[in-house]
Amino acid sequence: MKLLYVGGSSCSAETLGRLFLLANEICFLDRPSVTFNNWGTIGHQSPLRQFETEGLPVKLSVSNPPQGPARELYAPYVEADLTSPEFVKAVLDGLRTDNNFAAKCLQPAAKYGEGLTGADVRRILLSDTNLYSADYALSKADQSVMYKPETFEGSVATLRMIAVNASIEVTSALLMAEELGALPVSDDFTFAKLLSLRSTSATYVGDKHSLAPMLGLHFARSIIPDEMLKKISFGGIFDYRRNSEDVYRAWTTLINSVAAKISDGDFSNPENAINKIIASELAPKITEYENELASVRDRLFADLISRPLRSRIELGWTGERSP
């Protein structure tokens, strides 16, 4: 399974570990620099460019999506997203209920505007339900009040910028996913929903993208719980993959076949769709694979949990969370 991470130029160490359990190849994107007349987004390279996976059972790569003047690619999609009630609602709902998504949009402890933290900005934005029906047209963008949510105009400008960043992320992900032949995957359900809007709404163009990666991430969590994963080095995960390759291929085929049964309507709520498909289709068939994978896990990890984290040296990884 070849996956493209969506939601940032890097991810947390925990998410990266899960992706190593799931994929044969993991793709990341640099953040593009996109200009809109006299303002724009600041690009940067993915810190995962320093991560070397040669000779390992999982390949990691980083690509650079298109950047420059927005009119050449991003502007039509940004304008469609900002005038789409469904897109704006998904962003606001994500800020309200999805902590993973919210932290990608507003770093909780970072300073914004007049000394406000990201957590402060989020709290102020969510206190105003009128933002669901505000006018976010790109032509009305006012950078002078951005991240000054004390006024309604400032809240609109701030949410517009959050939505613009999310729109660019989705556009670059869909474009590069097709170019790379990879399935988009995120560790939050909000970006999964934003991706689905591009696939199912007549406002947009594009093919339907499978929820197989999200199914796989949920299944991987059932095999190796979060508490155990935090104690295992990446080297241990790679050993696990080498020792479970035959079973891995079997359950990957099963997950792909089950995901193909998800209907178009399910994409409007990816979390519910995944829970439903796991309960109705995946769980009854997965026990034998789960038992075999768990057996490999138990043989390996009783020793690996206490083994020195050789991957930190071999792979140039510090074990810290990515920014």
C-alpha atoms as a PDB file:
ATOM      1  CA  MET A   1       0.000   0.000   0.000  1.00  0.00           C
ATOM      2  CA  LYS A   2       1.484   3.353  -1.092  1.00  0.00           C
ATOM      3  CA  LEU A   3       0.213   6.235   1.037  1.00  0.00           C
ATOM      4  CA  LEU A   4       0.459  10.021   0.882  1.00  0.00           C
ATOM      5  CA  TYR A   5       0.198  11.772   4.247  1.00  0.00           C
ATOM      6  CA  VAL A   6      -2.204  14.727   4.241  1.00  0.00           C
ATOM      7  CA  GLY A   7      -2.329  17.401   6.917  1.00  0.00           C
ATOM      8  CA  GLY A   8       1.208  18.752   7.046  1.00  0.00           C
ATOM      9  CA  SER A   9       4.741  18.345   5.781  1.00  0.00           C
ATOM     10  CA  SER A  10       5.446  15.896   8.613  1.00  0.00           C
ATOM     11  CA  CYS A  11       3.580  14.016  11.312  1.00  0.00           C
ATOM     12  CA  SER A  12       4.055  12.911  14.899  1.00  0.00           C
ATOM     13  CA  ALA A  13       6.368  10.016  15.686  1.00  0.00           C
ATOM     14  CA  GLU A  14       3.311   7.976  16.752  1.00  0.00           C
ATOM     15  CA  THR A  15       1.559   8.524  13.413  1.00  0.00           C
ATOM     16  CA  LEU A  16       4.756   7.733  11.523  1.00  0.00           C
ATOM     17  CA  GLY A  17       5.023   4.473  13.434  1.00  0.00           C
ATOM     18  CA  ARG A  18       1.453   3.574  12.466  1.00  0.00           C
ATOM     19  CA  LEU A  19       2.176   4.365   8.821  1.00  0.00           C
ATOM     20  CA  PHE A  20       5.266   2.151   8.940  1.00  0.00           C
ATOM     21  CA  LEU A  21       3.008  -0.666  10.133  1.00  0.00           C
ATOM     22  CA  LEU A  22       0.541  -0.100   7.305  1.00  0.00           C
ATOM     23  CA  ALA A  23       2.370   0.983   4.149  1.00  0.00           C
ATOM     24  CA  ASN A  24       5.018  -0.287   1.775  1.00  0.00           C
ATOM     25  CA  GLU A  25       5.791   3.311   0.836  1.00  0.00           C
ATOM     26  CA  ILE A  26       4.923   6.573   2.606  1.00  0.00           C
ATOM     27  CA  CYS A  27       4.971   9.872   0.728  1.00  0.00           C
ATOM     28  CA  PHE A  28       5.122  13.324   2.281  1.00  0.00           C
ATOM     29  CA  LEU A  29       4.910  16.762   0.685  1.00  0.00           C
ATOM     30  CA  ASP A  30       6.863  19.947   1.226  1.00  0.00           C
ATOM     31  CA  ARG A  31       4.625  22.876   2.148  1.00  0.00           C
ATOM     32  CA  PRO A  32       4.220  24.979  -1.022  1.00  0.00           C
ATOM     33  CA  SER A  33       4.670  28.736  -1.141  1.00  0.00           C
ATOM     34  CA  VAL A  34       1.526  30.116  -2.795  1.00  0.00           C
ATOM     35  CA  THR A  35       0.993  33.825  -3.547  1.00  0.00           C
ATOM     36  CA  PHE A  36      -2.332  35.687  -3.833  1.00  0.00           C
ATOM     37  CA  ASN A  37      -1.537  39.167  -5.175  1.00  0.00           C
ATOM     38  CA  ASN A  38       0.120  40.936  -2.204  1.00  0.00           C
ATOM     39  CA  TRP A  39      -0.084  38.085   0.330  1.00  0.00           C
ATOM     40  CA  GLY A  40       0.443  34.361   0.456  1.00  0.00           C
ATOM     41  CA  THR A  41       1.555  31.272   2.353  1.00  0.00           C
ATOM     42  CA  ILE A  42       5.133  30.550   3.420  1.00  0.00           C
ATOM     43  CA  GLY A  43       6.557  27.302   2.131  1.00  0.00           C
ATOM     44  CA  HIS A  44       9.142  25.009   3.685  1.00  0.00           C
ATOM     45  CA  GLN A  45      10.697  21.630   3.102  1.00  0.00           C
ATOM     46  CA  SER A  46       9.501  18.596   5.003  1.00  0.00           C
ATOM     47  CA  PRO A  47      11.820  17.719   7.899  1.00  0.00           C
ATOM     48  CA  LEU A  48      11.387  14.100   6.835  1.00  0.00           C
ATOM     49  CA  ARG A  49      13.733  14.708   3.900  1.00  0.00           C
ATOM     50  CA  GLN A  50      16.509  13.758   6.330  1.00  0.00           C
ATOM     51  CA  PHE A  51      14.939  10.363   7.051  1.00  0.00           C
ATOM     52  CA  GLU A  52      16.774   7.541   5.213  1.00  0.00           C
ATOM     53  CA  THR A  53      14.939   4.243   4.596  1.00  0.00           C
ATOM     54  CA  GLU A  54      17.209   2.535   2.073  1.00  0.00           C
ATOM     55  CA  GLY A  55      17.341  -1.202   2.757  1.00  0.00           C
ATOM     56  CA  LEU A  56      14.277  -1.098   5.016  1.00  0.00           C
ATOM     57  CA  PRO A  57      10.928  -2.845   4.343  1.00  0.00           C
ATOM     58  CA  VAL A  58       9.118   0.516   4.086  1.00  0.00           C
ATOM     59  CA  LYS A  59      10.196   3.324   1.761  1.00  0.00           C
ATOM     60  CA  LEU A  60       9.747   7.005   2.674  1.00  0.00           C
ATOM     61  CA  SER A  61       9.837   9.800   0.094  1.00  0.00           C
ATOM     62  CA  VAL A  62       9.190  13.552  -0.001  1.00  0.00           C
ATOM     63  CA  SER A  63       7.899  15.450  -3.062  1.00  0.00           C
ATOM     64  CA  ASN A  64       7.523  19.144  -3.812  1.00  0.00           C
ATOM     65  CA  PRO A  65       4.018  20.151  -4.997  1.00  0.00           C
ATOM     66  CA  PRO A  66       3.514  23.080  -7.407  1.00  0.00           C
ATOM     67  CA  GLN A  67       4.051  26.536  -5.919  1.00  0.00           C
ATOM     68  CA  GLY A  68       4.053  30.159  -6.992  1.00  0.00           C
ATOM     69  CA  PRO A  69       1.141  32.379  -8.118  1.00  0.00           C
ATOM     70  CA  ALA A  70      -2.138  30.853  -6.950  1.00  0.00           C
ATOM     71  CA  ARG A  71      -3.933  31.619 -10.203  1.00  0.00           C
ATOM     72  CA  GLU A  72      -1.941  28.907 -11.979  1.00  0.00           C
ATOM     73  CA  LEU A  73      -3.490  26.088  -9.931  1.00  0.00           C
ATOM     74  CA  TYR A  74      -4.793  26.784  -6.445  1.00  0.00           C
ATOM     75  CA  ALA A  75      -7.014  29.876  -6.785  1.00  0.00           C
ATOM     76  CA  PRO A  76     -10.032  28.220  -8.496  1.00  0.00           C
ATOM     77  CA  TYR A  77     -10.186  25.544  -5.792  1.00  0.00           C
ATOM     78  CA  VAL A  78      -9.649  28.041  -2.972  1.00  0.00           C
ATOM     79  CA  GLU A  79     -12.471  30.212  -4.302  1.00  0.00           C
ATOM     80  CA  ALA A  80     -14.772  27.187  -4.612  1.00  0.00           C
ATOM     81  CA  ASP A  81     -13.912  26.025  -1.086  1.00  0.00           C
ATOM     82  CA  LEU A  82     -14.427  29.437   0.503  1.00  0.00           C
ATOM     83  CA  THR A  83     -17.891  29.749  -1.076  1.00  0.00           C
ATOM     84  CA  SER A  84     -18.867  26.159  -0.218  1.00  0.00           C
ATOM     85  CA  PRO A  85     -20.985  25.974   2.972  1.00  0.00           C
ATOM     86  CA  GLU A  86     -20.005  22.300   3.317  1.00  0.00           C
ATOM     87  CA  PHE A  87     -16.273  23.061   3.226  1.00  0.00           C
ATOM     88  CA  VAL A  88     -16.530  25.959   5.689  1.00  0.00           C
ATOM     89  CA  LYS A  89     -18.707  23.874   8.021  1.00  0.00           C
ATOM     90  CA  ALA A  90     -16.239  20.979   7.886  1.00  0.00           C
ATOM     91  CA  VAL A  91     -13.376  23.312   8.849  1.00  0.00           C
ATOM     92  CA  LEU A  92     -15.332  24.890  11.718  1.00  0.00           C
ATOM     93  CA  ASP A  93     -16.595  21.528  12.941  1.00  0.00           C
ATOM     94  CA  GLY A  94     -13.029  20.235  12.789  1.00  0.00           C
ATOM     95  CA  LEU A  95     -11.805  23.117  14.932  1.00  0.00           C
ATOM     96  CA  ARG A  96     -14.611  22.383  17.375  1.00  0.00           C
ATOM     97  CA  THR A  97     -14.377  18.606  17.761  1.00  0.00           C
ATOM     98  CA  ASP A  98     -11.114  17.378  16.187  1.00  0.00           C
ATOM     99  CA  ASN A  99      -8.098  18.248  18.335  1.00  0.00           C
ATOM    100  CA  ASN A 100      -5.640  16.739  15.859  1.00  0.00           C
ATOM    101  CA  PHE A 101      -6.962  18.883  13.029  1.00  0.00           C
ATOM    102  CA  ALA A 102      -7.209  21.993  15.224  1.00  0.00           C
ATOM    103  CA  ALA A 103      -3.569  21.667  16.313  1.00  0.00           C
ATOM    104  CA  LYS A 104      -2.486  21.608  12.672  1.00  0.00           C
ATOM    105  CA  CYS A 105      -4.384  24.837  11.994  1.00  0.00           C
ATOM    106  CA  LEU A 106      -3.547  26.685  15.231  1.00  0.00           C
ATOM    107  CA  GLN A 107      -0.618  25.495  17.313  1.00  0.00           C
ATOM    108  CA  PRO A 108      -2.081  25.658  20.831  1.00  0.00           C
ATOM    109  CA  ALA A 109       0.913  27.267  22.578  1.00  0.00           C
ATOM    110  CA  ALA A 110       2.136  29.455  19.687  1.00  0.00           C
ATOM    111  CA  LYS A 111       1.572  33.212  19.765  1.00  0.00           C
ATOM    112  CA  TYR A 112      -0.820  34.824  17.278  1.00  0.00           C
ATOM    113  CA  GLY A 113      -1.836  38.453  16.811  1.00  0.00           C
ATOM    114  CA  GLU A 114      -1.973  40.527  19.984  1.00  0.00           C
ATOM    115  CA  GLY A 115      -0.318  38.007  22.274  1.00  0.00           C
ATOM    116  CA  LEU A 116      -3.056  35.405  21.895  1.00  0.00           C
ATOM    117  CA  THR A 117      -2.108  31.744  21.828  1.00  0.00           C
ATOM    118  CA  GLY A 118      -3.465  29.337  19.261  1.00  0.00           C
ATOM    119  CA  ALA A 119      -5.711  27.891  21.959  1.00  0.00           C
ATOM    120  CA  ASP A 120      -7.079  31.413  22.627  1.00  0.00           C
ATOM    121  CA  VAL A 121      -7.782  32.023  18.940  1.00  0.00           C
ATOM    122  CA  ARG A 122      -9.533  28.676  18.630  1.00  0.00           C
ATOM    123  CA  ARG A 123     -11.695  29.374  21.681  1.00  0.00           C
ATOM    124  CA  ILE A 124     -12.742  32.815  20.366  1.00  0.00           C
ATOM    125  CA  LEU A 125     -13.557  31.497  16.907  1.00  0.00           C
ATOM    126  CA  LEU A 126     -15.722  28.719  18.284  1.00  0.00           C
ATOM    127  CA  SER A 127     -17.663  31.116  20.484  1.00  0.00           C
ATOM    128  CA  ASP A 128     -19.273  32.789  17.454  1.00  0.00           C
ATOM    129  CA  THR A 129     -21.803  30.626  15.607  1.00  0.00           C
ATOM    130  CA  ASN A 130     -22.275  33.425  13.045  1.00  0.00           C
ATOM    131  CA  LEU A 131     -19.022  32.295  11.442  1.00  0.00           C
ATOM    132  CA  TYR A 132     -20.899  29.408   9.848  1.00  0.00           C
ATOM    133  CA  SER A 133     -22.740  31.834   7.565  1.00  0.00           C
ATOM    134  CA  ALA A 134     -20.087  34.537   7.066  1.00  0.00           C
ATOM    135  CA  ASP A 135     -18.751  35.662   3.667  1.00  0.00           C
ATOM    136  CA  TYR A 136     -15.287  34.204   3.081  1.00  0.00           C
ATOM    137  CA  ALA A 137     -14.884  35.239  -0.566  1.00  0.00           C
ATOM    138  CA  LEU A 138     -11.215  35.464  -1.508  1.00  0.00           C
ATOM    139  CA  SER A 139     -11.739  38.926  -2.980  1.00  0.00           C
ATOM    140  CA  LYS A 140     -12.595  40.257   0.493  1.00  0.00           C
ATOM    141  CA  ALA A 141      -9.444  39.001   2.201  1.00  0.00           C
ATOM    142  CA  ASP A 142      -8.094  41.573   4.679  1.00  0.00           C
ATOM    143  CA  GLN A 143      -4.690  40.648   6.059  1.00  0.00           C
ATOM    144  CA  SER A 144      -4.591  43.589   8.479  1.00  0.00           C
ATOM    145  CA  VAL A 145      -7.076  41.947  10.874  1.00  0.00           C
ATOM    146  CA  MET A 146      -5.953  38.350  10.523  1.00  0.00           C
ATOM    147  CA  TYR A 147      -5.368  36.555  13.851  1.00  0.00           C
ATOM    148  CA  LYS A 148      -7.209  39.393  15.609  1.00  0.00           C
ATOM    149  CA  PRO A 149     -10.409  37.498  16.429  1.00  0.00           C
ATOM    150  CA  GLU A 150     -11.625  40.009  19.022  1.00  0.00           C
ATOM    151  CA  THR A 151     -13.758  41.534  16.235  1.00  0.00           C
ATOM    152  CA  PHE A 152     -16.068  39.684  13.864  1.00  0.00           C
ATOM    153  CA  GLU A 153     -14.039  40.926  10.886  1.00  0.00           C
ATOM    154  CA  GLY A 154     -10.887  39.577  12.508  1.00  0.00           C
ATOM    155  CA  SER A 155     -12.533  36.215  13.142  1.00  0.00           C
ATOM    156  CA  VAL A 156     -13.659  35.993   9.514  1.00  0.00           C
ATOM    157  CA  ALA A 157     -10.168  36.875   8.268  1.00  0.00           C
ATOM    158  CA  THR A 158      -8.591  34.312  10.570  1.00  0.00           C
ATOM    159  CA  LEU A 159     -10.952  31.511   9.600  1.00  0.00           C
ATOM    160  CA  ARG A 160     -10.549  32.437   5.925  1.00  0.00           C
ATOM    161  CA  MET A 161      -6.795  31.948   6.243  1.00  0.00           C
ATOM    162  CA  ILE A 162      -7.268  28.606   8.001  1.00  0.00           C
ATOM    163  CA  ALA A 163      -9.616  27.501   5.211  1.00  0.00           C
ATOM    164  CA  VAL A 164      -7.189  28.742   2.527  1.00  0.00           C
ATOM    165  CA  ASN A 165      -4.383  26.671   4.053  1.00  0.00           C
ATOM    166  CA  ALA A 166      -6.651  23.621   4.263  1.00  0.00           C
ATOM    167  CA  SER A 167      -7.745  24.119   0.649  1.00  0.00           C
ATOM    168  CA  ILE A 168      -4.138  24.310  -0.568  1.00  0.00           C
ATOM    169  CA  GLU A 169      -3.310  21.181   1.431  1.00  0.00           C
ATOM    170  CA  VAL A 170      -6.199  19.251  -0.149  1.00  0.00           C
ATOM    171  CA  THR A 171      -5.442  20.480  -3.684  1.00  0.00           C
ATOM    172  CA  SER A 172      -1.745  19.660  -3.512  1.00  0.00           C
ATOM    173  CA  ALA A 173      -2.538  16.262  -1.944  1.00  0.00           C
ATOM    174  CA  LEU A 174      -5.022  15.251  -4.645  1.00  0.00           C
ATOM    175  CA  LEU A 175      -2.723  16.447  -7.415  1.00  0.00           C
ATOM    176  CA  MET A 176       0.352  14.689  -6.049  1.00  0.00           C
ATOM    177  CA  ALA A 177      -1.579  11.539  -5.069  1.00  0.00           C
ATOM    178  CA  GLU A 178      -2.487  11.055  -8.725  1.00  0.00           C
ATOM    179  CA  GLU A 179       1.050  11.805  -9.874  1.00  0.00           C
ATOM    180  CA  LEU A 180       2.634   9.488  -7.301  1.00  0.00           C
ATOM    181  CA  GLY A 181       0.011   6.746  -7.527  1.00  0.00           C
ATOM    182  CA  ALA A 182      -0.614   6.958  -3.775  1.00  0.00           C
ATOM    183  CA  LEU A 183      -3.699   6.896  -1.553  1.00  0.00           C
ATOM    184  CA  PRO A 184      -4.164  10.011   0.632  1.00  0.00           C
ATOM    185  CA  VAL A 185      -4.301   9.342   4.371  1.00  0.00           C
ATOM    186  CA  SER A 186      -4.505  11.584   7.423  1.00  0.00           C
ATOM    187  CA  ASP A 187      -4.434  11.010  11.160  1.00  0.00           C
ATOM    188  CA  ASP A 188      -7.521  13.200  11.630  1.00  0.00           C
ATOM    189  CA  PHE A 189     -11.005  12.739  10.222  1.00  0.00           C
ATOM    190  CA  THR A 190     -11.439  16.382   9.198  1.00  0.00           C
ATOM    191  CA  PHE A 191      -8.899  16.263   6.398  1.00  0.00           C
ATOM    192  CA  ALA A 192     -10.433  12.948   5.314  1.00  0.00           C
ATOM    193  CA  LYS A 193     -13.790  14.710   5.089  1.00  0.00           C
ATOM    194  CA  LEU A 194     -12.334  17.685   3.181  1.00  0.00           C
ATOM    195  CA  LEU A 195     -10.770  15.267   0.716  1.00  0.00           C
ATOM    196  CA  SER A 196     -14.106  13.519   0.286  1.00  0.00           C
ATOM    197  CA  LEU A 197     -15.876  16.794  -0.498  1.00  0.00           C
ATOM    198  CA  ARG A 198     -13.651  17.196  -3.532  1.00  0.00           C
ATOM    199  CA  SER A 199     -14.605  13.698  -4.679  1.00  0.00           C
ATOM    200  CA  THR A 200     -18.361  13.672  -4.173  1.00  0.00           C
ATOM    201  CA  SER A 201     -19.553  17.250  -4.728  1.00  0.00           C
ATOM    202  CA  ALA A 202     -20.518  18.485  -8.205  1.00  0.00           C
ATOM    203  CA  THR A 203     -18.659  21.693  -7.338  1.00  0.00           C
ATOM    204  CA  TYR A 204     -15.340  19.906  -7.722  1.00  0.00           C
ATOM    205  CA  VAL A 205     -13.509  17.542 -10.024  1.00  0.00           C
ATOM    206  CA  GLY A 206     -11.574  14.421  -9.175  1.00  0.00           C
ATOM    207  CA  ASP A 207     -11.880  10.722  -8.511  1.00  0.00           C
ATOM    208  CA  LYS A 208     -13.214   9.046  -5.410  1.00  0.00           C
ATOM    209  CA  HIS A 209     -10.442   8.182  -2.983  1.00  0.00           C
ATOM    210  CA  SER A 210     -10.587   4.994  -0.937  1.00  0.00           C
ATOM    211  CA  LEU A 211     -10.890   5.003   2.836  1.00  0.00           C
ATOM    212  CA  ALA A 212      -8.697   1.906   2.944  1.00  0.00           C
ATOM    213  CA  PRO A 213      -5.763   3.751   4.603  1.00  0.00           C
ATOM    214  CA  MET A 214      -7.983   4.977   7.448  1.00  0.00           C
ATOM    215  CA  LEU A 215      -9.345   1.464   7.882  1.00  0.00           C
ATOM    216  CA  GLY A 216      -5.783   0.199   7.985  1.00  0.00           C
ATOM    217  CA  LEU A 217      -4.700   2.742  10.598  1.00  0.00           C
ATOM    218  CA  HIS A 218      -7.584   1.704  12.839  1.00  0.00           C
ATOM    219  CA  PHE A 219      -6.735  -1.958  12.389  1.00  0.00           C
ATOM    220  CA  ALA A 220      -3.045  -1.328  13.133  1.00  0.00           C
ATOM    221  CA  ARG A 221      -4.074   0.330  16.399  1.00  0.00           C
ATOM    222  CA  SER A 222      -5.956  -2.804  17.414  1.00  0.00           C
ATOM    223  CA  ILE A 223      -2.842  -4.922  16.852  1.00  0.00           C
ATOM    224  CA  ILE A 224      -0.330  -2.662  18.580  1.00  0.00           C
ATOM    225  CA  PRO A 225      -2.016  -0.257  21.049  1.00  0.00           C
ATOM    226  CA  ASP A 226      -0.759   3.300  21.500  1.00  0.00           C
ATOM    227  CA  GLU A 227       0.852   2.471  24.848  1.00  0.00           C
ATOM    228  CA  MET A 228       2.967  -0.295  23.294  1.00  0.00           C
ATOM    229  CA  LEU A 229       3.871   1.690  20.191  1.00  0.00           C
ATOM    230  CA  LYS A 230       5.405   4.468  22.284  1.00  0.00           C
ATOM    231  CA  LYS A 231       7.858   1.963  23.765  1.00  0.00           C
ATOM    232  CA  ILE A 232       9.016   0.454  20.471  1.00  0.00           C
ATOM    233  CA  SER A 233      11.757   1.867  18.261  1.00  0.00           C
ATOM    234  CA  PHE A 234      11.261   2.288  14.540  1.00  0.00           C
ATOM    235  CA  GLY A 235      13.831  -0.479  14.184  1.00  0.00           C
ATOM    236  CA  GLY A 236      11.490  -2.743  16.135  1.00  0.00           C
ATOM    237  CA  ILE A 237       8.618  -1.846  13.830  1.00  0.00           C
ATOM    238  CA  PHE A 238      10.707  -2.700  10.782  1.00  0.00           C
ATOM    239  CA  ASP A 239      11.637  -6.063  12.337  1.00  0.00           C
ATOM    240  CA  TYR A 240       7.917  -6.645  12.916  1.00  0.00           C
ATOM    241  CA  ARG A 241       7.174  -5.889   9.255  1.00  0.00           C
ATOM    242  CA  ARG A 242       9.894  -8.250   8.043  1.00  0.00           C
ATOM    243  CA  ASN A 243       8.534 -11.069  10.207  1.00  0.00           C
ATOM    244  CA  SER A 244       4.885 -10.577   9.256  1.00  0.00           C
ATOM    245  CA  GLU A 245       5.173  -9.922   5.513  1.00  0.00           C
ATOM    246  CA  ASP A 246       3.011 -12.841   4.325  1.00  0.00           C
ATOM    247  CA  VAL A 247       0.213 -12.027   6.756  1.00  0.00           C
ATOM    248  CA  TYR A 248       0.576  -8.321   5.971  1.00  0.00           C
ATOM    249  CA  ARG A 249      -0.096  -8.939   2.279  1.00  0.00           C
ATOM    250  CA  ALA A 250      -3.187 -11.004   3.084  1.00  0.00           C
ATOM    251  CA  TRP A 251      -4.866  -8.496   5.372  1.00  0.00           C
ATOM    252  CA  THR A 252      -3.927  -5.568   3.102  1.00  0.00           C
ATOM    253  CA  THR A 253      -5.780  -7.304   0.266  1.00  0.00           C
ATOM    254  CA  LEU A 254      -8.763  -7.832   2.567  1.00  0.00           C
ATOM    255  CA  ILE A 255      -8.830  -4.191   3.718  1.00  0.00           C
ATOM    256  CA  ASN A 256      -8.729  -2.953   0.118  1.00  0.00           C
ATOM    257  CA  SER A 257     -11.591  -5.231  -0.924  1.00  0.00           C
ATOM    258  CA  VAL A 258     -13.747  -4.196   2.040  1.00  0.00           C
ATOM    259  CA  ALA A 259     -13.036  -0.484   1.512  1.00  0.00           C
ATOM    260  CA  ALA A 260     -14.260  -0.810  -2.064  1.00  0.00           C
ATOM    261  CA  LYS A 261     -17.765  -1.458  -0.666  1.00  0.00           C
ATOM    262  CA  ILE A 262     -18.013   1.983   0.936  1.00  0.00           C
ATOM    263  CA  SER A 263     -20.681   3.995  -0.840  1.00  0.00           C
ATOM    264  CA  ASP A 264     -20.436   7.585  -2.049  1.00  0.00           C
ATOM    265  CA  GLY A 265     -22.733   8.718   0.752  1.00  0.00           C
ATOM    266  CA  ASP A 266     -20.389   7.348   3.396  1.00  0.00           C
ATOM    267  CA  PHE A 267     -17.720   9.888   2.454  1.00  0.00           C
ATOM    268  CA  SER A 268     -19.744  12.692   4.029  1.00  0.00           C
ATOM    269  CA  ASN A 269     -18.845  11.278   7.452  1.00  0.00           C
ATOM    270  CA  PRO A 270     -15.621   9.230   7.212  1.00  0.00           C
ATOM    271  CA  GLU A 271     -15.524   8.367  10.919  1.00  0.00           C
ATOM    272  CA  ASN A 272     -18.984   6.807  10.899  1.00  0.00           C
ATOM    273  CA  ALA A 273     -18.258   5.064   7.605  1.00  0.00           C
ATOM    274  CA  ILE A 274     -15.099   3.464   8.978  1.00  0.00           C
ATOM    275  CA  ASN A 275     -16.754   2.344  12.212  1.00  0.00           C
ATOM    276  CA  LYS A 276     -19.659   0.850  10.259  1.00  0.00           C
ATOM    277  CA  ILE A 277     -17.514  -0.990   7.752  1.00  0.00           C
ATOM    278  CA  ILE A 278     -15.250  -2.395  10.473  1.00  0.00           C
ATOM    279  CA  ALA A 279     -18.233  -3.713  12.401  1.00  0.00           C
ATOM    280  CA  SER A 280     -20.168  -5.112   9.435  1.00  0.00           C
ATOM    281  CA  GLU A 281     -17.466  -6.276   7.025  1.00  0.00           C
ATOM    282  CA  LEU A 282     -13.980  -6.272   8.495  1.00  0.00           C
ATOM    283  CA  ALA A 283     -14.289  -7.551  12.062  1.00  0.00           C
ATOM    284  CA  PRO A 284     -15.967 -10.903  11.197  1.00  0.00           C
ATOM    285  CA  LYS A 285     -13.201 -11.767   8.704  1.00  0.00           C
ATOM    286  CA  ILE A 286     -10.116 -10.359  10.386  1.00  0.00           C
ATOM    287  CA  THR A 287      -9.681 -12.612  13.432  1.00  0.00           C
ATOM    288  CA  GLU A 288      -7.296 -15.077  11.792  1.00  0.00           C
ATOM    289  CA  TYR A 289      -5.066 -12.304  10.484  1.00  0.00           C
ATOM    290  CA  GLU A 290      -5.234 -10.469  13.790  1.00  0.00           C
ATOM    291  CA  ASN A 291      -4.180 -13.604  15.687  1.00  0.00           C
ATOM    292  CA  GLU A 292      -1.250 -14.269  13.349  1.00  0.00           C
ATOM    293  CA  LEU A 293      -0.031 -10.677  13.489  1.00  0.00           C
ATOM    294  CA  ALA A 294      -0.432 -10.626  17.260  1.00  0.00           C
ATOM    295  CA  SER A 295       1.643 -13.790  17.474  1.00  0.00           C
ATOM    296  CA  VAL A 296       4.467 -12.142  15.533  1.00  0.00           C
ATOM    297  CA  ARG A 297       4.125  -9.076  17.743  1.00  0.00           C
ATOM    298  CA  ASP A 298       4.349 -11.080  20.961  1.00  0.00           C
ATOM    299  CA  ARG A 299       7.416 -13.033  19.804  1.00  0.00           C
ATOM    300  CA  LEU A 300       9.269  -9.892  18.789  1.00  0.00           C
ATOM    301  CA  PHE A 301       8.260  -7.141  21.160  1.00  0.00           C
ATOM    302  CA  ALA A 302       8.834  -8.792  24.510  1.00  0.00           C
ATOM    303  CA  ASP A 303      12.500  -8.326  23.609  1.00  0.00           C
ATOM    304  CA  LEU A 304      12.259  -5.213  21.437  1.00  0.00           C
ATOM    305  CA  ILE A 305      10.540  -2.999  23.966  1.00  0.00           C
ATOM    306  CA  SER A 306      13.699  -2.946  26.088  1.00  0.00           C
ATOM    307  CA  ARG A 307      16.171  -3.009  23.170  1.00  0.00           C
ATOM    308  CA  PRO A 308      18.224   0.204  22.590  1.00  0.00           C
ATOM    309  CA  LEU A 309      16.615   2.455  20.020  1.00  0.00           C
ATOM    310  CA  ARG A 310      19.123   1.701  17.268  1.00  0.00           C
ATOM    311  CA  SER A 311      16.848   3.337  14.704  1.00  0.00           C
ATOM    312  CA  ARG A 312      17.521   6.722  16.239  1.00  0.00           C
ATOM    313  CA  ILE A 313      21.121   6.431  15.093  1.00  0.00           C
ATOM    314  CA  GLU A 314      20.632   4.416  11.909  1.00  0.00           C
ATOM    315  CA  LEU A 315      17.771   6.557  10.620  1.00  0.00           C
ATOM    316  CA  GLY A 316      18.762   9.980  11.910  1.00  0.00           C
ATOM    317  CA  TRP A 317      15.570  10.227  13.966  1.00  0.00           C
ATOM    318  CA  THR A 318      15.467  11.738  17.448  1.00  0.00           C
ATOM    319  CA  GLY A 319      12.185  10.180  18.576  1.00  0.00           C
ATOM    320  CA  GLU A 320      10.698  13.614  19.189  1.00  0.00           C
ATOM    321  CA  ARG A 321       7.325  14.632  17.835  1.00  0.00           C
ATOM    322  CA  SER A 322       7.441  16.375  14.492  1.00  0.00           C
ATOM    323  CA  PRO A 323       6.415  20.036  14.482  1.00  0.00           C
END
